Amino acid sequence: MKRLGMLRERLIGALGTDGVKTEPEDLSVYAFDAYTDGGRPLAVVLPRSTNEVSAVVKIAREFGEPIVARGAGTGLCGGAVPAAGGIVISTMRMNRILELDAANRRARVEPGLINLDLSRRVAADGLFFAPDPSSQQISTIGGNIATNAGGPHCLSYGTTVNHVLGLEVVDETGEVFTTSIDDSGYDLTAALVGSEGTLGIVTSAWVRLLAQPEAVRVWVAAFDQMEAASEAVSAIVAAGIVPTALEMMDSVIVTAVEAAFHAGYPTGAAAVLLVESAGFEEDVAAAESAIRAIVNQHGARYMRGARTAAERAALWAGRKGAAGATGRIAPNYYTQDVCVPRSKLPTALRAVAAAAAEHAITVGNVFHAGDGNLHPLLMYDRRDRRQVAAVVLTGNAILESAIELGGTISGEHGIGWEKRDAMTRVYTTADLAAMGRVRDVFDPRRRLNPEKIFPSGARCSEVTPP
């Protein structure tokens, strides 16, 4: 207790009373992200600057406490919660645009800036920030960088790593270093993006901004079979057409979305595709003709386009609010995040349905079909232990089927706490040891977000160099 009091005094000395939380009710707020499991920290700090982050890291090092950096807590894999005790550094007060270089289409931002706020604030300059996770109204740029977040538009624009030009980082000793994609030698910027806070704490980032396209069109296509919709997705991409987004929802999700948002989706269809194309007007028109022909060839009931910007926004609001809309079906949901080769989508969706049926779990599918990135939402009541156990079994079965189909265990949400043991299913011991040696260069004492990404228990020794 005396030691905890000393730690608290040191942190308050560095950040002030307003920047340090140690009351149990405050700490409980930071014990979970959007995953189902978590652990309570000893203290939470809310720095306002790089210097304050550096000071906290040095204090934590002195007291031997681990550190977890956290944005808005929207992560789905337990990556932003402590494994045991330690200090959580919330970046939510570091939310400024530090520099806007519109001429060169870039900005330097703090990690706590909300994703969508960046696009809103540069819209007047005809620019936007392309990475758009479905949580973009609340998730932070720092969290997006930590998980290398994707989103509906990563089909054409790529994931977050494709839009980060440089970083300012506090290392495990509390010292500050910077990276740039213009650096010669190793690309440390790319190494840090997606490292889930295990290599350093990002305190600012230069990000790429894109020019708003001349034209944007969004269409909805309805199918009587999921398999037909999946085959249409593969056919669109195989034809050389790359929409800016190509999303799919099943009837469970569409029904929930329409009840919640009245977005304009057709109910009664087995599958609905949401397709967006952006660019020059003539290119968008050509894309529409080609996509309409393909979906018709694959038995679409119909395809219609949003007639106004408001209709387009409503369709996207429904899609991005799909997970929340499932609250009408069950009090809790678990989002699985796996990727399969696009041509394997029909097989993967059958595997999802079979696993859910076997364990008596309601499942809704809403996902980035163009990327083969599945997001089955397993709906349950966490107060029911049978349902919790069934969700775990169903999620594991989906993960196994994705691996068997040649896919990956995460498309965009990271490994975190949830999937660290599954890393041995897709990587060899030598692969994991190589990753462990990279981590040891940045964080030899393993104090930055420990117990994440790498397997637990006996497997730890396999990834820790002698």
Protein backbone atom coordinates (compact mmCIF):
# COMPACT_ATOMS: atom_id res chain seq x y z
CA MET A 1 0.00 0.00 0.00
CA LYS A 2 2.85 2.35 0.84
CA ARG A 3 4.46 1.66 -2.51
CA LEU A 4 1.18 2.34 -4.34
CA GLY A 5 0.86 5.62 -2.46
CA MET A 6 4.38 6.61 -3.49
CA LEU A 7 3.61 5.71 -7.12
CA ARG A 8 0.47 7.81 -7.01
CA GLU A 9 2.34 10.78 -5.54
CA ARG A 10 4.99 10.59 -8.24
CA LEU A 11 2.40 10.43 -11.01
CA ILE A 12 0.47 13.38 -9.55
CA GLY A 13 3.72 15.28 -9.30
CA ALA A 14 4.24 14.78 -13.04
CA LEU A 15 0.66 15.26 -14.32
CA GLY A 16 -1.28 16.95 -11.53
CA THR A 17 -4.23 15.57 -9.61
CA ASP A 18 -6.54 15.95 -12.60
CA GLY A 19 -4.34 13.68 -14.71
CA VAL A 20 -4.18 10.65 -12.40
CA LYS A 21 -6.94 8.19 -11.53
CA THR A 22 -6.56 5.57 -8.79
CA GLU A 23 -10.05 5.22 -7.31
CA PRO A 24 -11.54 1.72 -7.89
CA GLU A 25 -14.59 3.06 -9.70
CA ASP A 26 -12.34 5.00 -12.10
CA LEU A 27 -10.02 2.06 -12.69
CA SER A 28 -12.93 -0.25 -13.50
CA VAL A 29 -13.72 1.88 -16.55
CA TYR A 30 -10.31 0.99 -17.98
CA ALA A 31 -10.49 -2.73 -17.14
CA PHE A 32 -12.21 -3.60 -20.44
CA ASP A 33 -12.22 -2.70 -24.07
CA ALA A 34 -14.79 -4.11 -26.53
CA TYR A 35 -13.53 -7.65 -25.85
CA THR A 36 -15.15 -9.70 -23.10
CA ASP A 37 -12.13 -10.11 -20.82
CA GLY A 38 -9.81 -7.69 -19.06
CA GLY A 39 -7.89 -6.69 -15.95
CA ARG A 40 -7.87 -3.61 -13.70
CA PRO A 41 -4.80 -1.34 -13.64
CA LEU A 42 -3.15 0.15 -10.56
CA ALA A 43 -3.44 3.63 -12.01
CA VAL A 44 -4.69 5.47 -15.08
CA VAL A 45 -3.02 8.63 -16.32
CA LEU A 46 -4.28 11.16 -18.85
CA PRO A 47 -1.28 13.08 -20.20
CA ARG A 48 -1.61 16.15 -22.42
CA SER A 49 1.83 16.09 -24.06
CA THR A 50 4.74 13.95 -25.16
CA ASN A 51 6.76 15.20 -22.20
CA GLU A 52 4.10 13.97 -19.80
CA VAL A 53 4.01 10.54 -21.48
CA SER A 54 7.79 10.40 -21.19
CA ALA A 55 7.62 11.30 -17.50
CA VAL A 56 5.05 8.57 -16.82
CA VAL A 57 7.13 5.93 -18.59
CA LYS A 58 10.18 6.87 -16.54
CA ILE A 59 8.19 6.65 -13.30
CA ALA A 60 6.72 3.30 -14.31
CA ARG A 61 10.21 2.04 -15.10
CA GLU A 62 11.44 3.17 -11.69
CA PHE A 63 8.60 1.30 -9.96
CA GLY A 64 8.84 -1.73 -12.25
CA GLU A 65 5.26 -1.37 -13.47
CA PRO A 66 4.08 -2.34 -16.96
CA ILE A 67 2.37 0.19 -19.22
CA VAL A 68 -0.59 -0.11 -21.56
CA ALA A 69 -1.40 2.70 -23.97
CA ARG A 70 -5.11 3.15 -24.67
CA GLY A 71 -7.22 5.24 -27.02
CA ALA A 72 -11.02 5.08 -26.94
CA GLY A 73 -11.13 1.43 -25.83
CA THR A 74 -12.98 0.22 -28.92
CA GLY A 75 -10.54 -2.63 -29.59
CA LEU A 76 -12.03 -6.08 -30.03
CA CYS A 77 -9.17 -8.29 -28.84
CA GLY A 78 -8.32 -7.09 -25.33
CA GLY A 79 -5.27 -5.24 -26.61
CA ALA A 80 -5.85 -2.06 -24.59
CA VAL A 81 -6.42 -3.56 -21.15
CA PRO A 82 -3.75 -4.59 -18.65
CA ALA A 83 -2.99 -8.24 -18.10
CA ALA A 84 -2.22 -7.54 -14.44
CA GLY A 85 -1.94 -4.19 -12.66
CA GLY A 86 0.35 -1.60 -14.16
CA ILE A 87 -0.38 1.86 -15.53
CA VAL A 88 -2.79 2.66 -18.35
CA ILE A 89 -1.85 5.72 -20.38
CA SER A 90 -5.04 7.13 -21.89
CA THR A 91 -4.31 9.36 -24.87
CA MET A 92 -7.78 10.90 -25.00
CA ARG A 93 -6.55 14.35 -23.95
CA MET A 94 -3.91 14.33 -26.71
CA ASN A 95 -6.43 15.00 -29.45
CA ARG A 96 -5.12 17.94 -31.48
CA ILE A 97 -4.14 18.43 -35.09
CA LEU A 98 -0.65 19.82 -34.52
CA GLU A 99 0.10 20.73 -38.14
CA LEU A 100 -1.96 20.73 -41.33
CA ASP A 101 0.01 20.79 -44.57
CA ALA A 102 -2.86 20.87 -47.06
CA ALA A 103 -0.59 21.63 -50.01
CA ASN A 104 1.26 18.38 -49.46
CA ARG A 105 -1.84 16.53 -48.25
CA ARG A 106 -0.60 15.56 -44.83
CA ALA A 107 -1.18 16.38 -41.18
CA ARG A 108 0.58 15.77 -37.88
CA VAL A 109 -1.90 14.63 -35.28
CA GLU A 110 -1.92 13.47 -31.70
CA PRO A 111 -2.91 9.86 -30.95
CA GLY A 112 -6.14 10.69 -29.15
CA LEU A 113 -7.69 12.47 -32.14
CA ILE A 114 -10.94 10.76 -33.16
CA ASN A 115 -10.63 9.23 -36.63
CA LEU A 116 -13.70 10.89 -38.14
CA ASP A 117 -12.85 14.28 -36.60
CA LEU A 118 -9.75 14.43 -38.78
CA SER A 119 -11.75 14.05 -42.00
CA ARG A 120 -14.35 16.55 -40.80
CA ARG A 121 -11.72 19.15 -39.99
CA VAL A 122 -9.86 18.89 -43.31
CA ALA A 123 -13.01 18.64 -45.46
CA ALA A 124 -12.94 22.37 -46.20
CA ASP A 125 -9.56 21.82 -47.87
CA GLY A 126 -11.05 19.12 -50.10
CA LEU A 127 -9.23 16.36 -48.20
CA PHE A 128 -10.05 13.30 -46.12
CA PHE A 129 -8.34 10.56 -44.07
CA ALA A 130 -9.01 7.24 -45.80
CA PRO A 131 -8.78 4.56 -43.05
CA ASP A 132 -12.34 4.26 -41.77
CA PRO A 133 -12.98 1.46 -39.26
CA SER A 134 -16.65 1.05 -38.48
CA SER A 135 -15.87 2.62 -35.10
CA GLN A 136 -14.48 5.75 -36.77
CA GLN A 137 -16.91 8.04 -34.94
CA ILE A 138 -15.21 7.17 -31.65
CA SER A 139 -11.96 5.25 -32.29
CA THR A 140 -8.70 7.21 -32.19
CA ILE A 141 -5.91 7.60 -34.69
CA GLY A 142 -3.50 6.14 -32.12
CA GLY A 143 -5.64 3.04 -31.70
CA ASN A 144 -5.96 2.72 -35.47
CA ILE A 145 -2.15 2.84 -35.72
CA ALA A 146 -1.71 0.29 -32.93
CA THR A 147 -3.93 -2.28 -34.65
CA ASN A 148 -3.25 -1.24 -38.26
CA ALA A 149 -6.99 -0.82 -38.54
CA GLY A 150 -8.78 -1.43 -41.78
CA GLY A 151 -12.38 -0.65 -42.62
CA PRO A 152 -14.84 -0.76 -45.50
CA HIS A 153 -12.66 1.36 -47.76
CA CYS A 154 -9.37 -0.50 -47.26
CA LEU A 155 -10.31 -2.57 -50.33
CA SER A 156 -9.03 0.27 -52.50
CA TYR A 157 -7.19 2.59 -50.10
CA GLY A 158 -5.34 0.02 -47.96
CA THR A 159 -5.12 -0.19 -44.18
CA THR A 160 -3.76 2.39 -41.75
CA VAL A 161 -0.12 1.52 -42.46
CA ASN A 162 -0.56 2.84 -45.99
CA HIS A 163 -1.48 6.27 -44.60
CA VAL A 164 1.14 6.84 -41.88
CA LEU A 165 4.13 8.90 -43.02
CA GLY A 166 6.05 9.13 -39.77
CA LEU A 167 5.78 8.75 -36.01
CA GLU A 168 6.92 10.31 -32.77
CA VAL A 169 7.35 7.57 -30.18
CA VAL A 170 8.25 7.30 -26.49
CA ASP A 171 10.35 4.20 -25.92
CA GLU A 172 10.44 1.93 -22.89
CA THR A 173 13.06 4.10 -21.18
CA GLY A 174 10.99 7.26 -21.61
CA GLU A 175 13.16 8.70 -24.38
CA VAL A 176 11.59 10.12 -27.54
CA PHE A 177 12.47 9.15 -31.10
CA THR A 178 10.93 9.80 -34.49
CA THR A 179 10.53 7.80 -37.68
CA SER A 180 9.72 8.69 -41.27
CA ILE A 181 8.96 6.66 -44.36
CA ASP A 182 11.65 8.80 -46.01
CA ASP A 183 14.31 7.35 -43.71
CA SER A 184 16.97 5.24 -45.35
CA GLY A 185 17.45 1.71 -44.10
CA TYR A 186 14.84 -0.14 -42.07
CA ASP A 187 11.23 1.06 -42.31
CA LEU A 188 10.61 1.50 -38.59
CA THR A 189 7.35 3.34 -39.25
CA ALA A 190 5.83 0.23 -40.79
CA ALA A 191 7.26 -1.94 -38.01
CA LEU A 192 5.59 0.19 -35.34
CA VAL A 193 2.18 0.33 -37.06
CA GLY A 194 0.22 -2.71 -35.92
CA SER A 195 2.59 -3.50 -33.05
CA GLU A 196 -0.23 -2.92 -30.53
CA GLY A 197 1.84 -0.73 -28.24
CA THR A 198 4.47 -3.39 -27.58
CA LEU A 199 7.33 -1.49 -29.23
CA GLY A 200 6.67 2.06 -28.04
CA ILE A 201 3.97 4.62 -27.30
CA VAL A 202 2.98 6.79 -30.26
CA THR A 203 2.64 10.44 -29.22
CA SER A 204 2.12 11.99 -32.65
CA ALA A 205 1.89 10.86 -36.26
CA TRP A 206 2.23 12.39 -39.69
CA VAL A 207 -0.65 10.95 -41.70
CA ARG A 208 -1.46 11.03 -45.39
CA LEU A 209 -4.58 12.88 -46.55
CA LEU A 210 -6.32 12.18 -49.85
CA ALA A 211 -8.18 14.50 -52.19
CA GLN A 212 -11.93 14.08 -52.14
CA PRO A 213 -13.05 12.28 -55.31
CA GLU A 214 -15.00 14.07 -58.03
CA ALA A 215 -17.87 11.59 -57.84
CA VAL A 216 -19.07 8.98 -55.34
CA ARG A 217 -21.84 6.46 -55.95
CA VAL A 218 -23.27 3.81 -53.62
CA TRP A 219 -25.46 0.92 -54.74
CA VAL A 220 -27.33 -1.84 -52.96
CA ALA A 221 -27.81 -5.27 -54.54
CA ALA A 222 -30.07 -7.94 -53.03
CA PHE A 223 -29.70 -11.71 -53.44
CA ASP A 224 -31.76 -14.75 -52.46
CA GLN A 225 -28.64 -16.74 -51.58
CA MET A 226 -25.46 -15.85 -49.67
CA GLU A 227 -23.47 -18.05 -52.01
CA ALA A 228 -24.64 -16.13 -55.09
CA ALA A 229 -23.72 -12.83 -53.45
CA SER A 230 -20.27 -14.20 -52.53
CA GLU A 231 -19.68 -15.37 -56.08
CA ALA A 232 -20.71 -11.96 -57.40
CA VAL A 233 -18.06 -10.37 -55.15
CA SER A 234 -15.34 -12.58 -56.61
CA ALA A 235 -16.60 -11.91 -60.14
CA ILE A 236 -16.51 -8.13 -59.67
CA VAL A 237 -12.89 -8.17 -58.54
CA ALA A 238 -11.92 -10.80 -61.12
CA ALA A 239 -13.25 -8.48 -63.83
CA GLY A 240 -10.62 -5.94 -62.83
CA ILE A 241 -13.07 -3.65 -61.06
CA VAL A 242 -11.91 -2.36 -57.69
CA PRO A 243 -14.78 -0.58 -55.93
CA THR A 244 -13.78 1.69 -53.06
CA ALA A 245 -15.91 -0.55 -50.83
CA LEU A 246 -17.61 -3.92 -51.27
CA GLU A 247 -19.51 -4.96 -48.15
CA MET A 248 -21.97 -7.77 -47.43
CA MET A 249 -24.70 -8.26 -44.84
CA ASP A 250 -26.95 -11.22 -44.24
CA SER A 251 -30.66 -11.13 -43.45
CA VAL A 252 -30.11 -11.19 -39.67
CA ILE A 253 -28.02 -8.02 -39.84
CA VAL A 254 -30.18 -6.22 -42.41
CA THR A 255 -33.29 -6.81 -40.31
CA ALA A 256 -31.58 -5.42 -37.20
CA VAL A 257 -30.12 -2.43 -39.09
CA GLU A 258 -33.42 -1.47 -40.67
CA ALA A 259 -35.22 -1.67 -37.34
CA ALA A 260 -32.61 0.58 -35.75
CA PHE A 261 -31.70 3.05 -38.52
CA HIS A 262 -34.30 2.81 -41.33
CA ALA A 263 -31.30 3.10 -43.63
CA GLY A 264 -33.02 1.91 -46.79
CA TYR A 265 -31.80 -1.68 -47.00
CA PRO A 266 -34.13 -4.28 -48.55
CA THR A 267 -35.45 -6.74 -45.98
CA GLY A 268 -36.32 -10.28 -46.97
CA ALA A 269 -33.20 -10.94 -49.02
CA ALA A 270 -30.70 -13.57 -47.90
CA ALA A 271 -27.75 -11.27 -48.62
CA VAL A 272 -27.24 -7.60 -49.45
CA LEU A 273 -24.17 -6.11 -51.09
CA LEU A 274 -23.22 -2.49 -50.43
CA VAL A 275 -20.98 -1.28 -53.24
CA GLU A 276 -19.26 2.09 -53.51
CA SER A 277 -17.24 3.49 -56.39
CA ALA A 278 -15.41 6.83 -56.35
CA GLY A 279 -13.28 8.76 -58.79
CA PHE A 280 -13.90 10.70 -61.98
CA GLU A 281 -17.53 10.83 -63.08
CA GLU A 282 -17.03 8.83 -66.27
CA ASP A 283 -15.10 6.09 -64.42
CA VAL A 284 -17.82 5.77 -61.79
CA ALA A 285 -20.49 5.52 -64.48
CA ALA A 286 -18.51 2.78 -66.24
CA ALA A 287 -18.10 0.92 -62.96
CA GLU A 288 -21.84 1.02 -62.33
CA SER A 289 -22.62 -0.54 -65.72
CA ALA A 290 -20.08 -3.30 -65.24
CA ILE A 291 -21.12 -4.08 -61.65
CA ARG A 292 -24.82 -4.11 -62.57
CA ALA A 293 -24.16 -6.63 -65.34
CA ILE A 294 -22.18 -8.90 -63.02
CA VAL A 295 -24.66 -8.94 -60.15
CA ASN A 296 -27.49 -9.62 -62.60
CA GLN A 297 -25.52 -12.55 -64.02
CA HIS A 298 -25.33 -13.92 -60.48
CA GLY A 299 -29.06 -13.72 -59.86
CA ALA A 300 -29.46 -10.46 -57.97
CA ARG A 301 -33.08 -9.56 -57.24
CA TYR A 302 -32.25 -5.99 -58.08
CA MET A 303 -29.62 -3.30 -57.75
CA ARG A 304 -30.39 0.31 -57.00
CA GLY A 305 -28.28 3.34 -56.26
CA ALA A 306 -28.55 6.01 -53.61
CA ARG A 307 -30.15 9.01 -55.31
CA THR A 308 -28.88 11.69 -52.94
CA ALA A 309 -25.99 12.32 -50.60
CA ALA A 310 -28.40 11.88 -47.71
CA GLU A 311 -29.43 8.42 -48.93
CA ARG A 312 -25.78 7.49 -49.36
CA ALA A 313 -24.98 8.66 -45.84
CA ALA A 314 -27.97 6.69 -44.46
CA LEU A 315 -26.76 3.48 -46.10
CA TRP A 316 -23.31 3.93 -44.61
CA ALA A 317 -24.70 4.86 -41.21
CA GLY A 318 -26.64 1.60 -41.21
CA ARG A 319 -23.63 -0.44 -42.25
CA LYS A 320 -21.32 1.14 -39.68
CA GLY A 321 -23.94 0.87 -36.96
CA ALA A 322 -24.66 -2.80 -37.67
CA ALA A 323 -22.91 -4.17 -34.61
CA GLY A 324 -24.75 -1.81 -32.28
CA ALA A 325 -28.05 -2.68 -33.94
CA THR A 326 -27.70 -6.29 -32.82
CA GLY A 327 -28.56 -5.06 -29.32
CA ARG A 328 -32.14 -5.61 -30.48
CA ILE A 329 -31.38 -9.34 -30.75
CA ALA A 330 -29.21 -10.07 -27.71
CA PRO A 331 -27.60 -8.04 -24.92
CA ASN A 332 -24.05 -9.01 -25.94
CA TYR A 333 -22.15 -9.89 -29.06
CA TYR A 334 -18.71 -11.22 -29.85
CA THR A 335 -17.06 -10.19 -33.13
CA GLN A 336 -14.81 -12.74 -34.78
CA ASP A 337 -12.25 -11.27 -37.17
CA VAL A 338 -10.73 -13.63 -39.73
CA CYS A 339 -9.71 -13.44 -43.37
CA VAL A 340 -10.05 -16.05 -46.08
CA PRO A 341 -9.16 -15.98 -49.77
CA ARG A 342 -12.04 -14.20 -51.51
CA SER A 343 -12.86 -17.29 -53.60
CA LYS A 344 -13.38 -19.23 -50.33
CA LEU A 345 -16.12 -16.93 -49.02
CA PRO A 346 -19.01 -19.35 -49.75
CA THR A 347 -17.21 -22.19 -47.95
CA ALA A 348 -16.27 -19.95 -45.04
CA LEU A 349 -19.83 -18.69 -44.61
CA ARG A 350 -21.14 -22.26 -44.59
CA ALA A 351 -18.59 -23.08 -41.88
CA VAL A 352 -19.77 -20.10 -39.82
CA ALA A 353 -23.40 -21.22 -40.09
CA ALA A 354 -22.50 -24.82 -39.20
CA ALA A 355 -20.51 -23.78 -36.12
CA ALA A 356 -23.27 -21.48 -34.91
CA ALA A 357 -25.91 -24.19 -35.42
CA GLU A 358 -23.85 -26.80 -33.61
CA HIS A 359 -23.54 -24.62 -30.53
CA ALA A 360 -27.02 -23.04 -30.74
CA ILE A 361 -25.77 -19.48 -31.16
CA THR A 362 -27.45 -16.78 -33.24
CA VAL A 363 -25.02 -15.38 -35.79
CA GLY A 364 -25.20 -12.37 -38.07
CA ASN A 365 -22.69 -11.71 -40.83
CA VAL A 366 -21.57 -8.20 -41.75
CA PHE A 367 -18.17 -8.01 -43.37
CA HIS A 368 -15.68 -6.64 -45.85
CA ALA A 369 -16.47 -9.08 -48.66
CA GLY A 370 -14.03 -7.54 -51.11
CA ASP A 371 -11.15 -8.33 -48.76
CA GLY A 372 -12.43 -11.73 -47.66
CA ASN A 373 -12.48 -10.27 -44.13
CA LEU A 374 -15.29 -11.97 -42.20
CA HIS A 375 -16.91 -10.52 -39.09
CA PRO A 376 -19.46 -13.01 -37.78
CA LEU A 377 -21.30 -11.42 -34.85
CA LEU A 378 -22.08 -14.12 -32.29
CA MET A 379 -24.98 -12.91 -30.16
CA TYR A 380 -25.45 -14.04 -26.59
CA ASP A 381 -26.23 -13.11 -23.02
CA ARG A 382 -23.08 -13.00 -20.91
CA ARG A 383 -25.15 -13.74 -17.80
CA ASP A 384 -25.80 -17.22 -19.22
CA ARG A 385 -22.71 -19.40 -18.72
CA ARG A 386 -23.87 -21.90 -21.34
CA GLN A 387 -24.10 -19.18 -23.94
CA VAL A 388 -20.69 -17.78 -23.00
CA ALA A 389 -19.12 -21.23 -23.37
CA ALA A 390 -20.96 -21.75 -26.66
CA VAL A 391 -19.69 -18.44 -28.05
CA VAL A 392 -16.11 -19.39 -27.21
CA LEU A 393 -16.50 -22.77 -28.96
CA THR A 394 -18.19 -21.21 -31.98
CA GLY A 395 -15.53 -18.52 -32.29
CA ASN A 396 -12.75 -21.11 -32.09
CA ALA A 397 -14.44 -23.26 -34.73
CA ILE A 398 -14.69 -20.26 -37.09
CA LEU A 399 -11.02 -19.47 -36.47
CA GLU A 400 -10.02 -23.04 -37.25
CA SER A 401 -12.04 -23.13 -40.44
CA ALA A 402 -10.46 -19.88 -41.66
CA ILE A 403 -6.98 -21.32 -41.09
CA GLU A 404 -7.92 -24.53 -42.91
CA LEU A 405 -9.11 -22.45 -45.87
CA GLY A 406 -5.73 -20.74 -46.10
CA GLY A 407 -6.80 -17.59 -44.29
CA THR A 408 -5.48 -15.55 -41.37
CA ILE A 409 -6.54 -15.14 -37.74
CA SER A 410 -7.06 -11.37 -37.89
CA GLY A 411 -7.96 -9.08 -40.74
CA GLU A 412 -7.84 -5.73 -38.99
CA HIS A 413 -8.53 -5.87 -35.25
CA GLY A 414 -5.21 -7.23 -34.01
CA ILE A 415 -4.12 -10.16 -31.86
CA GLY A 416 -4.06 -8.62 -28.39
CA TRP A 417 -5.03 -10.83 -25.49
CA GLU A 418 -7.69 -12.78 -27.33
CA LYS A 419 -5.77 -14.46 -30.14
CA ARG A 420 -2.21 -14.67 -28.85
CA ASP A 421 -2.36 -18.45 -28.38
CA ALA A 422 -3.73 -18.84 -31.90
CA MET A 423 -0.48 -17.37 -33.26
CA THR A 424 1.05 -20.85 -33.01
CA ARG A 425 -1.57 -22.07 -35.48
CA VAL A 426 -0.27 -19.84 -38.25
CA TYR A 427 3.38 -19.24 -37.33
CA THR A 428 6.23 -21.62 -36.61
CA THR A 429 8.35 -21.44 -33.47
CA ALA A 430 11.13 -19.91 -35.56
CA ASP A 431 8.73 -17.26 -36.90
CA LEU A 432 7.61 -16.31 -33.40
CA ALA A 433 11.16 -16.27 -32.09
CA ALA A 434 12.13 -13.84 -34.86
CA MET A 435 9.24 -11.56 -33.87
CA GLY A 436 10.30 -11.86 -30.24
CA ARG A 437 13.82 -10.70 -31.08
CA VAL A 438 12.40 -7.61 -32.80
CA ARG A 439 10.43 -6.85 -29.67
CA ASP A 440 13.48 -7.29 -27.50
CA VAL A 441 15.27 -4.56 -29.45
CA PHE A 442 12.55 -2.05 -28.51
CA ASP A 443 11.43 -3.42 -25.15
CA PRO A 444 13.92 -5.90 -23.66
CA ARG A 445 12.19 -5.89 -20.26
CA ARG A 446 8.75 -6.52 -21.80
CA ARG A 447 7.10 -3.69 -19.91
CA LEU A 448 5.14 -2.25 -22.83
CA ASN A 449 1.73 -3.93 -23.08
CA PRO A 450 2.95 -7.31 -21.78
CA GLU A 451 1.10 -10.58 -22.40
CA LYS A 452 -0.17 -9.40 -25.79
CA ILE A 453 0.37 -10.77 -29.30
CA PHE A 454 2.72 -13.58 -28.24
CA PRO A 455 1.51 -16.95 -26.90
CA SER A 456 1.14 -17.46 -23.18
CA GLY A 457 2.26 -20.17 -20.76
CA ALA A 458 4.85 -22.67 -21.84
CA ARG A 459 4.97 -21.22 -25.32
CA CYS A 460 6.49 -18.00 -23.99
CA SER A 461 9.88 -19.64 -23.79
CA GLU A 462 9.67 -20.42 -27.46
CA VAL A 463 9.59 -16.75 -28.38
CA THR A 464 12.00 -15.45 -25.77
CA PRO A 465 15.64 -15.56 -26.83
CA PRO A 466 18.05 -17.06 -24.30
